[in-house]
Protein backbone atom coordinates (compact mmCIF):
# COMPACT_ATOMS: atom_id res chain seq x y z
CA MET A 1 62.72 -133.37 166.74
CA HIS A 2 62.51 -131.46 163.46
CA ILE A 3 65.83 -129.67 163.02
CA VAL A 4 66.32 -127.12 160.24
CA HIS A 5 69.82 -126.31 158.99
CA VAL A 6 70.16 -123.00 157.15
CA VAL A 7 73.37 -123.29 155.13
CA GLN A 8 74.20 -120.93 152.25
CA LEU A 9 76.14 -123.62 150.35
CA TYR A 10 75.58 -127.37 150.51
CA HIS A 11 76.68 -130.71 149.09
CA PRO A 12 78.32 -131.33 146.68
CA VAL A 13 80.11 -128.03 147.32
CA ALA A 14 83.50 -128.89 148.84
CA SER A 15 84.02 -126.70 151.90
CA GLY A 16 84.56 -127.24 155.60
CA SER A 17 81.27 -125.64 156.63
CA VAL A 18 79.35 -127.79 154.14
CA ARG A 19 81.06 -130.95 155.35
CA TYR A 20 80.25 -130.01 158.95
CA PHE A 21 76.50 -129.80 158.29
CA VAL A 22 76.43 -132.91 156.10
CA GLU A 23 78.11 -135.01 158.79
CA ILE A 24 76.12 -133.64 161.71
CA GLY A 25 72.88 -133.85 159.74
CA LYS A 26 73.20 -137.48 158.73
CA ARG A 27 74.01 -138.49 162.30
CA LEU A 28 70.98 -136.64 163.63
CA VAL A 29 68.88 -138.56 161.10
CA ALA A 30 70.47 -141.84 162.22
CA ASP A 31 69.42 -140.95 165.77
CA GLY A 32 65.81 -140.71 164.62
CA HIS A 33 65.43 -136.97 164.04
CA ARG A 34 64.09 -135.18 160.99
CA VAL A 35 66.58 -132.81 159.38
CA THR A 36 65.68 -130.26 156.72
CA VAL A 37 68.45 -128.34 154.98
CA LEU A 38 67.59 -124.96 153.48
CA THR A 39 70.26 -123.77 151.08
CA THR A 40 70.75 -121.81 147.86
CA THR A 41 71.50 -122.71 144.27
CA ALA A 42 75.08 -121.37 144.61
CA HIS A 43 77.82 -123.75 143.52
CA ASP A 44 80.56 -121.70 145.19
CA LEU A 45 80.93 -118.44 147.08
CA GLU A 46 81.27 -116.27 143.99
CA SER A 47 78.00 -117.55 142.55
CA LEU A 48 76.23 -115.92 145.51
CA TRP A 49 76.89 -112.51 144.02
CA GLN A 50 77.78 -113.22 140.37
CA SER A 51 75.12 -114.65 138.07
CA ASP A 52 77.64 -115.97 135.54
CA LYS A 53 79.09 -118.50 138.01
CA ARG A 54 78.07 -122.14 138.34
CA THR A 55 74.77 -122.90 140.05
CA PHE A 56 72.54 -125.85 140.87
CA ALA A 57 68.93 -126.14 139.81
CA PRO A 58 66.42 -125.06 142.46
CA GLY A 59 64.29 -127.78 143.97
CA TYR A 60 64.27 -130.72 146.37
CA GLU A 61 66.55 -133.68 146.90
CA CYS A 62 67.34 -136.12 149.69
CA HIS A 63 70.97 -136.42 150.78
CA GLU A 64 72.13 -138.75 153.57
CA GLY A 65 68.55 -138.91 154.86
CA CYS A 66 68.19 -135.11 155.05
CA ASP A 67 65.53 -133.21 153.08
CA VAL A 68 67.41 -130.59 151.06
CA TYR A 69 65.71 -127.60 149.46
CA ARG A 70 67.67 -125.29 147.14
CA PHE A 71 66.33 -121.77 146.63
CA PRO A 72 67.34 -119.20 143.99
CA ILE A 73 69.44 -116.22 144.95
CA LYS A 74 68.16 -112.66 144.72
CA ARG A 75 70.73 -109.95 143.98
CA ILE A 76 70.20 -106.21 143.61
CA SER A 77 72.79 -106.25 140.82
CA ASP A 78 74.90 -108.70 138.82
CA ILE A 79 77.81 -106.27 138.63
CA PRO A 80 80.65 -108.04 140.53
CA LEU A 81 81.88 -104.91 142.32
CA VAL A 82 78.51 -104.14 143.93
CA TYR A 83 78.81 -106.77 146.66
CA PRO A 84 82.29 -105.83 147.97
CA ILE A 85 81.27 -102.18 147.91
CA LEU A 86 78.17 -102.94 149.97
CA ARG A 87 80.29 -104.93 152.40
CA ARG A 88 82.66 -102.00 152.84
CA VAL A 89 79.72 -99.67 153.38
CA LEU A 90 78.42 -102.04 156.06
CA VAL A 91 81.78 -102.05 157.84
CA GLU A 92 81.95 -98.26 157.87
CA ALA A 93 78.32 -97.97 158.96
CA GLY A 94 79.07 -100.29 161.86
CA ARG A 95 82.04 -98.18 162.88
CA LEU A 96 79.76 -95.15 162.92
CA ARG A 97 77.46 -97.08 165.31
CA LEU A 98 74.38 -96.73 163.13
CA PRO A 99 71.27 -98.39 164.60
CA LEU A 100 71.08 -102.16 164.20
CA SER A 101 67.87 -101.81 162.19
CA TRP A 102 69.74 -99.73 159.62
CA LEU A 103 72.61 -102.20 159.48
CA ARG A 104 70.20 -105.10 158.94
CA TRP A 105 68.58 -103.16 156.11
CA LEU A 106 71.97 -102.57 154.48
CA ALA A 107 72.75 -106.26 154.89
CA SER A 108 69.47 -107.07 153.11
CA LEU A 109 70.94 -105.46 149.97
CA THR A 110 73.54 -108.22 149.82
CA PRO A 111 72.45 -111.60 148.37
CA GLN A 112 69.24 -113.04 149.79
CA ALA A 113 66.99 -116.02 149.21
CA PRO A 114 63.42 -114.80 149.79
CA GLN A 115 61.88 -118.18 148.94
CA LEU A 116 64.01 -119.74 151.69
CA THR A 117 62.62 -117.21 154.14
CA ALA A 118 59.08 -117.94 152.93
CA TRP A 119 59.63 -121.67 153.56
CA VAL A 120 60.56 -120.93 157.19
CA VAL A 121 57.42 -118.81 157.60
CA ALA A 122 55.21 -121.53 156.14
CA HIS A 123 56.70 -124.31 158.32
CA ALA A 124 57.49 -122.41 161.53
CA ALA A 125 54.97 -124.34 163.62
CA ASP A 126 56.68 -127.62 162.69
CA ILE A 127 60.27 -126.57 163.53
CA ASP A 128 61.87 -127.45 166.87
CA VAL A 129 65.24 -125.78 166.37
CA ILE A 130 67.06 -123.86 163.63
CA HIS A 131 70.81 -124.08 163.15
CA MET A 132 72.27 -121.23 161.05
CA THR A 133 75.79 -120.65 159.85
CA ASN A 134 78.30 -118.38 158.08
CA VAL A 135 77.65 -115.12 159.85
CA THR A 136 79.63 -113.26 157.20
CA LEU A 137 76.74 -113.93 154.78
CA ASP A 138 74.34 -112.36 157.25
CA GLY A 139 72.04 -110.90 154.62
CA LEU A 140 70.76 -114.43 154.06
CA ILE A 141 70.12 -115.23 157.72
CA HIS A 142 68.75 -112.03 159.31
CA PRO A 143 65.25 -112.79 157.95
CA VAL A 144 65.43 -116.32 159.38
CA MET A 145 66.43 -114.99 162.80
CA ALA A 146 63.53 -112.50 162.71
CA ILE A 147 61.04 -115.31 162.03
CA ALA A 148 62.59 -117.56 164.68
CA THR A 149 62.39 -114.77 167.26
CA ALA A 150 58.75 -114.01 166.44
CA GLN A 151 57.80 -117.70 166.55
CA GLN A 152 60.00 -118.47 169.60
CA ILE A 153 62.02 -121.10 167.74
CA PRO A 154 65.40 -121.77 169.38
CA VAL A 155 68.37 -120.84 167.18
CA ILE A 156 71.88 -122.27 167.16
CA THR A 157 74.51 -120.34 165.21
CA THR A 158 77.89 -121.58 164.05
CA PRO A 159 79.49 -118.37 162.74
CA PHE A 160 82.69 -119.74 161.14
CA VAL A 161 84.48 -116.46 161.83
CA HIS A 162 87.56 -115.84 159.70
CA LEU A 163 89.98 -114.31 162.17
CA GLY A 164 92.64 -113.33 159.64
CA ASP A 165 96.20 -112.62 160.75
CA ALA A 166 97.82 -110.30 163.25
CA GLN A 167 99.28 -108.13 160.47
CA ASP A 168 95.87 -107.16 159.07
CA ALA A 169 93.48 -106.18 161.84
CA ASN A 170 91.05 -104.77 159.29
CA PHE A 171 90.34 -108.19 157.79
CA VAL A 172 88.30 -109.51 160.70
CA ARG A 173 86.00 -106.45 160.67
CA TYR A 174 84.09 -108.09 157.83
CA TYR A 175 83.16 -110.95 160.17
CA SER A 176 82.38 -109.03 163.35
CA MET A 177 80.07 -106.18 162.39
CA PRO A 178 77.48 -105.11 165.00
CA GLN A 179 74.54 -106.73 163.22
CA GLN A 180 76.53 -109.98 162.89
CA LEU A 181 77.44 -110.03 166.57
CA ASP A 182 73.81 -109.28 167.39
CA LEU A 183 72.78 -112.44 165.51
CA LEU A 184 75.01 -114.41 167.87
CA ASN A 185 73.65 -112.70 170.97
CA GLN A 186 70.09 -113.49 169.81
CA SER A 187 70.96 -117.17 169.36
CA ARG A 188 70.19 -119.66 172.09
CA ASP A 189 73.56 -121.38 171.48
CA VAL A 190 76.76 -120.37 169.70
CA ILE A 191 79.18 -123.03 168.43
CA ALA A 192 82.75 -121.92 167.77
CA MET A 193 85.30 -124.02 165.90
CA THR A 194 88.24 -123.14 168.14
CA GLY A 195 89.05 -121.48 171.43
CA ARG A 196 90.57 -118.59 169.50
CA GLU A 197 87.30 -117.94 167.74
CA ALA A 198 85.34 -118.13 171.00
CA ARG A 199 87.70 -115.74 172.79
CA PHE A 200 87.57 -113.30 169.90
CA LEU A 201 83.77 -113.24 169.86
CA GLN A 202 83.61 -112.82 173.62
CA SER A 203 86.07 -109.92 173.39
CA ARG A 204 83.69 -108.29 170.88
CA GLY A 205 80.71 -108.49 173.20
CA VAL A 206 79.19 -111.90 172.54
CA THR A 207 78.60 -112.72 176.20
CA HIS A 208 76.59 -115.82 175.56
CA PRO A 209 75.84 -118.20 178.43
CA ARG A 210 75.67 -121.16 176.04
CA PHE A 211 79.00 -120.95 174.18
CA HIS A 212 80.43 -124.22 172.85
CA VAL A 213 83.85 -124.94 171.33
CA ILE A 214 83.44 -128.10 169.31
CA GLY A 215 85.46 -128.06 166.09
CA ALA A 216 85.09 -130.32 163.08
CA GLY A 217 86.02 -133.85 162.19
CA VAL A 218 86.76 -136.45 159.55
CA THR A 219 85.84 -140.04 158.74
CA PRO A 220 89.28 -141.61 158.19
CA ALA A 221 88.02 -144.48 156.02
CA GLU A 222 86.56 -141.98 153.54
CA VAL A 223 89.82 -140.13 152.89
CA ILE A 224 92.42 -142.91 152.80
CA GLY A 225 93.12 -145.76 150.41
CA GLY A 226 93.60 -143.70 147.26
CA ASP A 227 95.66 -144.96 144.32
CA GLY A 228 98.66 -142.68 144.36
CA ASP A 229 100.48 -144.47 141.56
CA SER A 230 97.59 -144.08 139.12
CA PHE A 231 97.25 -140.41 140.14
CA ARG A 232 100.90 -139.80 139.24
CA LEU A 233 100.52 -141.63 135.95
CA ARG A 234 97.29 -139.82 135.09
CA HIS A 235 98.83 -136.40 135.68
CA ALA A 236 102.35 -137.16 134.41
CA ILE A 237 104.05 -136.56 137.76
CA THR A 238 107.33 -138.25 138.68
CA GLY A 239 108.81 -136.16 141.51
CA PRO A 240 107.49 -135.10 144.94
CA ILE A 241 104.00 -133.63 145.21
CA VAL A 242 103.09 -130.56 147.25
CA LEU A 243 99.30 -130.58 147.69
CA GLN A 244 96.94 -127.74 148.54
CA VAL A 245 93.21 -128.39 148.97
CA GLY A 246 90.64 -125.61 149.21
CA ALA A 247 89.32 -122.67 147.25
CA MET A 248 92.08 -121.12 145.16
CA ALA A 249 92.28 -117.59 146.52
CA ARG A 250 94.72 -115.05 147.89
CA ASP A 251 93.29 -115.27 151.41
CA LYS A 252 93.57 -119.07 151.28
CA GLY A 253 97.29 -118.64 150.65
CA THR A 254 97.17 -120.20 147.17
CA ILE A 255 99.07 -117.36 145.52
CA ALA A 256 101.69 -117.44 148.28
CA THR A 257 102.10 -121.19 147.71
CA VAL A 258 102.66 -120.68 143.97
CA LEU A 259 105.21 -117.93 144.64
CA ALA A 260 106.99 -120.11 147.21
CA MET A 261 107.14 -123.00 144.77
CA GLN A 262 108.57 -120.67 142.12
CA GLN A 263 111.52 -120.10 144.46
CA LEU A 264 112.02 -123.84 144.87
CA TRP A 265 111.74 -124.53 141.14
CA ALA A 266 114.29 -121.79 140.43
CA ALA A 267 116.62 -123.59 142.87
CA GLY A 268 116.19 -126.90 141.03
CA SER A 269 113.30 -128.60 142.86
CA THR A 270 111.53 -131.35 140.90
CA ALA A 271 108.33 -131.10 142.99
CA THR A 272 104.91 -130.64 141.41
CA LEU A 273 102.25 -128.42 142.96
CA VAL A 274 98.74 -129.93 142.88
CA LEU A 275 95.86 -127.56 143.61
CA ILE A 276 92.40 -128.96 144.33
CA GLY A 277 89.43 -126.64 144.77
CA ALA A 278 87.39 -123.96 143.06
CA PRO A 279 89.53 -121.17 141.54
CA LEU A 280 88.24 -117.71 142.38
CA ALA A 281 88.35 -115.14 139.61
CA HIS A 282 91.33 -113.20 140.96
CA PHE A 283 93.38 -116.39 141.28
CA GLN A 284 92.51 -117.40 137.73
CA GLN A 285 93.70 -114.00 136.52
CA PHE A 286 96.94 -114.45 138.47
CA TYR A 287 97.43 -117.96 137.10
CA ASP A 288 96.76 -116.94 133.49
CA GLN A 289 99.68 -114.49 133.67
CA LEU A 290 102.18 -117.06 134.90
CA PRO A 291 104.93 -118.21 132.52
CA ALA A 292 104.94 -121.74 131.16
CA THR A 293 108.09 -122.42 133.19
CA THR A 294 105.83 -122.17 136.26
CA THR A 295 102.56 -123.66 135.03
CA ASP A 296 104.36 -126.74 133.70
CA HIS A 297 104.97 -127.66 137.36
CA ILE A 298 101.33 -127.11 138.45
CA ARG A 299 98.29 -129.34 138.15
CA ILE A 300 94.91 -127.67 138.76
CA LEU A 301 92.01 -129.98 139.63
CA ALA A 302 89.20 -127.49 140.11
CA TYR A 303 86.36 -129.86 140.96
CA ALA A 304 88.06 -133.15 141.76
CA SER A 305 85.95 -136.16 142.70
CA ASP A 306 86.30 -137.75 146.13
CA ALA A 307 88.24 -140.62 144.55
CA GLU A 308 90.63 -138.21 142.84
CA ARG A 309 91.10 -136.31 146.09
CA ARG A 310 91.94 -139.54 147.97
CA ALA A 311 94.40 -140.44 145.24
CA ALA A 312 96.06 -137.02 145.54
CA TYR A 313 96.53 -137.50 149.29
CA ALA A 314 98.00 -140.95 148.67
CA ALA A 315 100.46 -139.55 146.12
CA ALA A 316 101.51 -136.38 147.98
CA GLN A 317 104.48 -135.75 150.24
CA LEU A 318 102.86 -132.91 152.20
CA LEU A 319 99.84 -130.64 152.43
CA THR A 320 100.06 -126.88 152.60
CA LEU A 321 97.22 -124.49 153.49
CA PRO A 322 98.76 -121.12 154.49
CA SER A 323 95.30 -119.56 154.85
CA ARG A 324 93.97 -116.74 156.98
CA THR A 325 90.31 -117.56 156.25
CA ASP A 326 89.98 -121.00 157.80
CA SER A 327 88.04 -121.20 161.04
CA PHE A 328 89.34 -124.74 161.51
CA GLY A 329 90.83 -126.61 158.54
CA ILE A 330 89.33 -130.05 157.89
CA VAL A 331 91.87 -130.66 155.12
CA PHE A 332 94.57 -130.92 157.78
CA LEU A 333 92.65 -133.80 159.31
CA GLU A 334 92.36 -135.47 155.91
CA ALA A 335 96.09 -135.12 155.33
CA TRP A 336 96.89 -136.50 158.78
CA CYS A 337 94.68 -139.53 158.08
CA ASN A 338 97.09 -140.21 155.22
CA GLN A 339 100.02 -139.57 157.62
CA LEU A 340 101.13 -136.49 155.70
CA PRO A 341 102.93 -133.57 157.34
CA VAL A 342 101.16 -130.23 157.02
CA ILE A 343 102.01 -126.54 156.75
CA GLY A 344 99.50 -123.91 157.83
CA ALA A 345 99.46 -120.18 158.39
CA ASP A 346 99.77 -118.77 161.87
CA ALA A 347 96.37 -117.19 161.30
CA GLY A 348 92.67 -117.80 161.75
CA GLY A 349 91.80 -120.92 163.71
CA ILE A 350 94.68 -122.98 162.29
CA PRO A 351 97.10 -122.53 165.24
CA ASP A 352 94.53 -124.13 167.55
CA LEU A 353 94.60 -127.25 165.37
CA VAL A 354 98.15 -127.51 164.02
CA GLN A 355 100.73 -127.66 166.80
CA ALA A 356 103.90 -126.11 165.46
CA ASP A 357 106.90 -128.47 165.33
CA VAL A 358 104.78 -131.32 166.70
CA ASP A 359 102.42 -132.31 163.90
CA GLY A 360 103.18 -129.61 161.34
CA LEU A 361 104.73 -126.24 160.62
CA LEU A 362 103.22 -122.75 160.88
CA VAL A 363 104.33 -119.71 158.90
CA PRO A 364 103.07 -116.12 158.99
CA PHE A 365 100.32 -115.49 156.46
CA GLY A 366 101.78 -114.14 153.23
CA ASP A 367 105.39 -114.97 154.16
CA VAL A 368 106.47 -116.44 150.83
CA ASP A 369 110.11 -116.92 151.84
CA GLY A 370 109.14 -118.63 155.09
CA LEU A 371 106.67 -120.86 153.26
CA ALA A 372 109.31 -121.86 150.72
CA ARG A 373 111.69 -122.79 153.54
CA ALA A 374 109.00 -124.81 155.30
CA ILE A 375 108.10 -126.74 152.15
CA GLN A 376 111.75 -127.44 151.38
CA ARG A 377 112.34 -128.58 154.96
CA LEU A 378 109.61 -131.21 154.77
CA LEU A 379 110.59 -132.33 151.27
CA THR A 380 114.19 -132.94 152.31
CA ASP A 381 113.79 -134.19 155.90
CA SER A 382 111.81 -137.42 155.51
CA ALA A 383 112.22 -138.37 159.17
CA LEU A 384 110.68 -135.09 160.32
CA ALA A 385 107.89 -135.39 157.75
CA HIS A 386 107.09 -138.90 158.99
CA GLN A 387 107.16 -137.72 162.62
CA PHE A 388 104.68 -134.92 161.92
CA GLY A 389 102.40 -137.18 159.89
CA ALA A 390 102.35 -139.85 162.60
CA ALA A 391 101.60 -137.28 165.32
CA GLY A 392 98.73 -135.84 163.26
CA TYR A 393 97.35 -139.32 162.59
CA ALA A 394 97.24 -140.04 166.33
CA LYS A 395 95.59 -136.68 167.04
CA VAL A 396 92.79 -137.30 164.54
CA HIS A 397 91.94 -140.72 165.92
CA ALA A 398 92.02 -139.46 169.50
CA HIS A 399 89.97 -136.28 169.06
CA TYR A 400 88.76 -135.43 165.56
CA THR A 401 86.66 -138.19 164.06
CA TRP A 402 83.08 -137.19 163.30
CA GLU A 403 81.96 -139.55 166.04
CA HIS A 404 83.93 -137.48 168.57
CA ILE A 405 82.54 -134.23 167.17
CA TYR A 406 78.94 -135.43 167.02
CA ALA A 407 79.10 -136.60 170.63
CA SER A 408 79.76 -132.96 171.56
CA ALA A 409 77.43 -131.35 169.03
CA ALA A 410 74.30 -133.46 169.49
CA PRO A 411 73.53 -132.27 173.06
CA VAL A 412 73.52 -128.67 171.83
CA TYR A 413 70.32 -129.47 169.95
CA GLN A 414 68.94 -130.73 173.26
CA VAL A 415 68.51 -134.20 171.85
CA PRO A 416 66.90 -136.02 174.79
CA GLU A 417 68.74 -139.34 174.46
CA LEU A 418 72.19 -137.80 174.37
CA SER A 419 71.47 -134.98 176.81
CA ASP A 420 70.35 -137.40 179.48
CA ALA A 421 73.46 -139.49 179.06
CA ASP A 422 75.88 -136.56 178.84
C-alpha cells in the first residue's frame, strides 16, 4: 500500500502528534508499505502564522524509511494578530450556523500549503489511503479532503482535540467547529487518543461507524539510560529537579508551574525547575519579567537533544505537565519509563492516562496553590513518589509501548497481513 500522512509539523519537531506519525510511519515501512509524509516548513506552531519564527528549508528527505516532503506556508498576512482574529471569526461564524462552504472558505484564510495540495492532486492515482491530523489546523487539510473525496481515496483522521478544562467551556470551541467536525464525518476512520476525546466528538455529532480509541506510545529503551550526574554538573544543579517537558505556554501549564515553584522557593525549597520545549512568545514575555530570585532557580532548554532530554529524566525527581491542551501526553510515558512520579492537570485527555493517586497526581488546570502542594508532596514523600513511578512503569510496559499501539493502529489502514490476523 502507498500511505500518505498529512502532518502540519514533522520531525525533528518535538511534539506528541509528530512522534505518533514518526513511530507509526516507520513501522508501516517495516511491514513493507510505502509511506509518504506531506508536511510544512514550520519548526513550531507559531511559525505556521508568523514568518519571523524558525523554519526548515522546503524539499525532500528520507526519515525512518518514509519519504518526507516539506512545503512552504502561505499566509494572508504576517501580522501575528491576524490568525487569532480569524480563528475567533470562525468560531462565531460556526455559532451562527453559516453554511459549511462559507466556513471552509474562512478556514482557507488561515495558513495553507498550496504546493502540498498540488502534490496530492498530482499523485492521487497512486495513493491508497490518506491519514490526516490536527483538526484545529483545518485550513491546511480541507483541500486535501476535497481531493480525496473527488478521487475516492479513503481518509483516516486523527484530530488530536484539545478538550480544555471544565472551567472554560469556550476553549474547546476552537477544536470543534462545524467544518472541523464535518472533516471527521467525511473520514472513513477516526482515531481518538482517549475515550474522553471519542465521547466528546460523538456528543458533538461525529456519529462515525469506524471510531477507534488507540492512544500513543513510547519506546522505553529510547528514553532511559541518561546521565543524570553529568546533567546536574552541566547545569549547576545540586538539589531536587522538577521537570516539565513540552511547549512553554500558558495552556500547557508552564506559567502555573513557575508560579507554583515561586511559592515553594519562598518557603525555602532548594528545587530547580527545568523546562524543556519551545517557548511561545507570550511565555517568553512572562519569563523576561521575572526577577532574578526566580530565574536563578530555572533552567530553560528550548531545543534539547534526545540525549539531553534522557539525561534530564535521569536527573529529575518528578515530571509536571498541568496542561489543558494535551490530547494524551506522551511525556508522562517517558517519565514513567524512568520510574518518575507525574503531576498532570485534570483536563484534556490527561485524566484518561494518569490515574490519580495510583500513578500520579491530578490538579485542576490553573490551580497554582494545588500544584504547589502536589509538587511539595512528591518532593517530600519519597515512598509515595517511588510508588507512583513504579505503577506508571508497569502501565507503560503493559499497554503503552509503540508495539502495543501499532498493533491497534495498523488494521485501521486495512493492512492485509494484520487485518487477517486481527
